[in-house]
Structure formats: C-alpha cells, structure tokens
C-alpha cells in the first residue's frame, strides 16, 4: 500500500497550513473536499471554488482511499 501523504495527491508540512493535509501544490485542506461532499455539494462545485486543485488529484485521492478500504476489508 502506497501512502498518499507527501505524494502528488496530498502534502503534509508544518510550513503549509500548520501541517494540515492539503492537496499537493496548494494550500487547500483535504478536509474541505469532504466538507463540501457532506454538505451535498459536488466535486465540480468544489473545483469551481478551489481551481488550484485538479480533478485528477481528487480522482487519485478517492482511488487511493478505495484501495485502502478494500485492502483492510479483505
């Protein structure tokens, strides 16, 4: 299993947002995506609000989370 932190998907650094996990190359916390989704917003709504995050990053994040879920469920 490949860790998704400090990758092309997620970065964690004390110098960026105090170590909050953010989408790599941005200052956008990953938690913000989950907050949008919990509120009933779409991924496209999120991307409209945070254009520095790419759809590819979101798809990769969800794919990695899926893989981790499937691996721990097997």
N, C-alpha and C. Protein backbone atom coordinates (compact mmCIF):
# COMPACT_ATOMS: atom_id res chain seq x y z
N UNK A 1 0.84 -1.17 0.00
CA UNK A 1 0.00 0.00 0.00
C UNK A 1 0.90 1.24 0.00
N UNK A 2 0.66 2.14 -0.92
CA UNK A 2 1.44 3.37 -1.03
C UNK A 2 0.80 4.45 -0.19
N UNK A 3 1.58 5.11 0.68
CA UNK A 3 0.98 6.20 1.45
C UNK A 3 0.64 7.36 0.52
N UNK A 4 -0.52 7.96 0.76
CA UNK A 4 -0.93 9.06 -0.11
C UNK A 4 -0.44 10.40 0.41
N UNK A 5 0.03 10.45 1.64
CA UNK A 5 0.55 11.72 2.13
C UNK A 5 1.93 11.97 1.54
N UNK A 6 2.25 13.24 1.37
CA UNK A 6 3.50 13.67 0.78
C UNK A 6 3.74 12.98 -0.57
N UNK A 7 2.72 13.03 -1.40
CA UNK A 7 2.77 12.46 -2.74
C UNK A 7 2.26 13.51 -3.71
N UNK A 8 1.92 13.08 -4.90
CA UNK A 8 1.35 14.02 -5.86
C UNK A 8 -0.10 14.34 -5.52
N UNK A 9 -0.63 13.66 -4.51
CA UNK A 9 -2.02 13.87 -4.13
C UNK A 9 -2.13 14.77 -2.90
N UNK A 10 -1.45 14.38 -1.83
CA UNK A 10 -1.55 15.08 -0.55
C UNK A 10 -0.16 15.42 -0.04
N UNK A 11 -0.07 16.60 0.55
CA UNK A 11 1.18 17.03 1.16
C UNK A 11 0.91 17.43 2.61
N UNK A 12 1.83 17.08 3.48
CA UNK A 12 1.74 17.47 4.89
C UNK A 12 3.08 18.08 5.27
N UNK A 13 3.03 19.35 5.63
CA UNK A 13 4.25 20.07 6.01
C UNK A 13 3.91 21.10 7.07
N UNK A 14 4.74 21.20 8.11
CA UNK A 14 4.46 22.21 9.14
C UNK A 14 4.50 23.64 8.58
N UNK A 15 5.16 23.82 7.45
CA UNK A 15 5.25 25.16 6.85
C UNK A 15 4.02 25.54 6.03
N UNK A 16 3.16 24.56 5.73
CA UNK A 16 1.97 24.82 4.92
C UNK A 16 0.74 24.50 5.77
N UNK A 17 -0.03 25.51 6.09
CA UNK A 17 -1.27 25.35 6.86
C UNK A 17 -1.02 24.62 8.18
N UNK A 18 0.16 24.82 8.76
CA UNK A 18 0.46 24.25 10.07
C UNK A 18 0.46 22.73 10.11
N UNK A 19 0.70 22.09 8.97
CA UNK A 19 0.77 20.63 8.93
C UNK A 19 -0.55 19.97 8.59
N UNK A 20 -1.57 20.76 8.30
CA UNK A 20 -2.86 20.20 7.87
C UNK A 20 -2.66 19.52 6.52
N UNK A 21 -3.20 18.33 6.32
CA UNK A 21 -3.08 17.69 4.99
C UNK A 21 -3.77 18.54 3.92
N UNK A 22 -3.01 18.89 2.90
CA UNK A 22 -3.53 19.70 1.79
C UNK A 22 -3.29 18.97 0.48
N UNK A 23 -4.03 19.37 -0.54
CA UNK A 23 -3.75 18.85 -1.86
C UNK A 23 -2.38 19.37 -2.29
N UNK A 24 -1.52 18.48 -2.77
CA UNK A 24 -0.16 18.86 -3.15
C UNK A 24 -0.16 20.04 -4.10
N UNK A 25 0.76 20.96 -3.84
CA UNK A 25 0.91 22.14 -4.68
C UNK A 25 -0.10 23.23 -4.39
N UNK A 26 -0.91 23.04 -3.33
CA UNK A 26 -1.93 24.03 -2.98
C UNK A 26 -1.89 24.28 -1.48
N UNK A 27 -2.76 25.16 -1.04
CA UNK A 27 -2.98 25.39 0.39
C UNK A 27 -4.42 24.99 0.75
N UNK A 28 -4.99 24.10 -0.06
CA UNK A 28 -6.39 23.69 0.12
C UNK A 28 -6.42 22.41 0.96
N UNK A 29 -6.97 22.50 2.17
CA UNK A 29 -7.05 21.31 3.01
C UNK A 29 -7.93 20.22 2.37
N UNK A 30 -7.49 18.99 2.50
CA UNK A 30 -8.26 17.85 2.00
C UNK A 30 -9.61 17.80 2.72
N UNK A 31 -9.64 18.17 3.99
CA UNK A 31 -10.88 18.17 4.75
C UNK A 31 -11.95 19.03 4.08
N UNK A 32 -11.54 20.08 3.38
CA UNK A 32 -12.51 20.95 2.71
C UNK A 32 -13.30 20.19 1.65
N UNK A 33 -12.65 19.28 0.93
CA UNK A 33 -13.36 18.45 -0.04
C UNK A 33 -14.43 17.62 0.66
N UNK A 34 -14.07 16.99 1.76
CA UNK A 34 -15.04 16.16 2.48
C UNK A 34 -16.17 17.01 3.06
N UNK A 35 -15.85 18.21 3.50
CA UNK A 35 -16.90 19.12 4.00
C UNK A 35 -17.89 19.46 2.88
N UNK A 36 -17.37 19.74 1.69
CA UNK A 36 -18.23 20.02 0.53
C UNK A 36 -19.13 18.82 0.25
N UNK A 37 -18.56 17.65 0.19
CA UNK A 37 -19.33 16.45 -0.13
C UNK A 37 -20.39 16.16 0.93
N UNK A 38 -20.04 16.33 2.21
CA UNK A 38 -21.00 16.10 3.28
C UNK A 38 -22.16 17.09 3.21
N UNK A 39 -21.88 18.29 2.70
CA UNK A 39 -22.92 19.32 2.58
C UNK A 39 -23.78 19.13 1.34
N UNK A 40 -23.50 18.09 0.56
CA UNK A 40 -24.30 17.82 -0.63
C UNK A 40 -23.80 18.50 -1.89
N UNK A 41 -22.64 19.12 -1.80
CA UNK A 41 -22.04 19.76 -2.97
C UNK A 41 -21.39 18.69 -3.84
N UNK A 42 -21.13 19.04 -5.08
CA UNK A 42 -20.49 18.10 -6.00
C UNK A 42 -18.99 18.36 -6.07
N UNK A 43 -18.30 17.43 -6.68
CA UNK A 43 -16.86 17.63 -6.93
C UNK A 43 -16.67 18.84 -7.84
N UNK A 44 -17.54 19.00 -8.83
CA UNK A 44 -17.42 20.17 -9.71
C UNK A 44 -17.61 21.47 -8.94
N UNK A 45 -18.52 21.49 -7.96
CA UNK A 45 -18.68 22.68 -7.11
C UNK A 45 -17.38 22.98 -6.37
N UNK A 46 -16.78 21.93 -5.84
CA UNK A 46 -15.51 22.09 -5.12
C UNK A 46 -14.43 22.64 -6.05
N UNK A 47 -14.33 22.07 -7.24
CA UNK A 47 -13.32 22.52 -8.20
C UNK A 47 -13.55 23.96 -8.62
N UNK A 48 -14.80 24.38 -8.73
CA UNK A 48 -15.10 25.78 -9.06
C UNK A 48 -14.60 26.71 -7.96
N UNK A 49 -14.74 26.27 -6.71
CA UNK A 49 -14.31 27.09 -5.58
C UNK A 49 -12.82 27.04 -5.32
N UNK A 50 -12.16 25.98 -5.77
CA UNK A 50 -10.73 25.79 -5.50
C UNK A 50 -10.03 25.35 -6.78
N UNK A 51 -9.85 26.28 -7.72
CA UNK A 51 -9.29 25.92 -9.02
C UNK A 51 -7.83 25.46 -8.99
N UNK A 52 -7.15 25.62 -7.86
CA UNK A 52 -5.76 25.13 -7.79
C UNK A 52 -5.71 23.62 -7.60
N UNK A 53 -6.83 23.01 -7.23
CA UNK A 53 -6.90 21.56 -7.10
C UNK A 53 -7.40 21.00 -8.43
N UNK A 54 -6.77 19.94 -8.89
CA UNK A 54 -7.18 19.34 -10.16
C UNK A 54 -8.15 18.17 -9.92
N UNK A 55 -8.97 17.94 -10.91
CA UNK A 55 -9.89 16.79 -10.83
C UNK A 55 -9.09 15.50 -10.71
N UNK A 56 -7.93 15.45 -11.37
CA UNK A 56 -7.08 14.26 -11.29
C UNK A 56 -6.63 13.99 -9.86
N UNK A 57 -6.34 15.05 -9.09
CA UNK A 57 -5.95 14.86 -7.70
C UNK A 57 -7.11 14.26 -6.89
N UNK A 58 -8.31 14.74 -7.14
CA UNK A 58 -9.47 14.23 -6.41
C UNK A 58 -9.73 12.77 -6.77
N UNK A 59 -9.68 12.47 -8.06
CA UNK A 59 -9.90 11.09 -8.51
C UNK A 59 -8.83 10.17 -7.92
N UNK A 60 -7.57 10.63 -7.91
CA UNK A 60 -6.48 9.83 -7.35
C UNK A 60 -6.69 9.62 -5.85
N UNK A 61 -7.09 10.67 -5.14
CA UNK A 61 -7.34 10.55 -3.70
C UNK A 61 -8.45 9.53 -3.43
N UNK A 62 -9.55 9.66 -4.14
CA UNK A 62 -10.66 8.72 -3.94
C UNK A 62 -10.25 7.29 -4.31
N UNK A 63 -9.44 7.14 -5.35
CA UNK A 63 -8.95 5.82 -5.73
C UNK A 63 -8.08 5.21 -4.66
N UNK A 64 -7.19 6.02 -4.08
CA UNK A 64 -6.32 5.51 -3.01
C UNK A 64 -7.13 5.15 -1.77
N UNK A 65 -8.11 5.98 -1.44
CA UNK A 65 -8.96 5.66 -0.29
C UNK A 65 -9.74 4.38 -0.53
N UNK A 66 -10.22 4.21 -1.76
CA UNK A 66 -10.92 2.97 -2.11
C UNK A 66 -10.00 1.77 -1.94
N UNK A 67 -8.78 1.88 -2.47
CA UNK A 67 -7.81 0.78 -2.36
C UNK A 67 -7.53 0.43 -0.90
N UNK A 68 -7.35 1.46 -0.07
CA UNK A 68 -7.06 1.21 1.34
C UNK A 68 -8.26 0.56 2.02
N UNK A 69 -9.46 0.98 1.67
CA UNK A 69 -10.66 0.39 2.26
C UNK A 69 -10.78 -1.08 1.85
N UNK A 70 -10.57 -1.35 0.58
CA UNK A 70 -10.70 -2.72 0.07
C UNK A 70 -9.64 -3.61 0.70
N UNK A 71 -8.40 -3.10 0.83
CA UNK A 71 -7.33 -3.89 1.42
C UNK A 71 -7.60 -4.23 2.88
N UNK A 72 -8.15 -3.27 3.62
CA UNK A 72 -8.41 -3.53 5.04
C UNK A 72 -9.67 -4.36 5.24
N UNK A 73 -10.52 -4.40 4.23
CA UNK A 73 -11.76 -5.19 4.32
C UNK A 73 -11.55 -6.64 3.90
N UNK A 74 -10.47 -6.89 3.17
CA UNK A 74 -10.24 -8.24 2.63
C UNK A 74 -9.68 -9.17 3.67
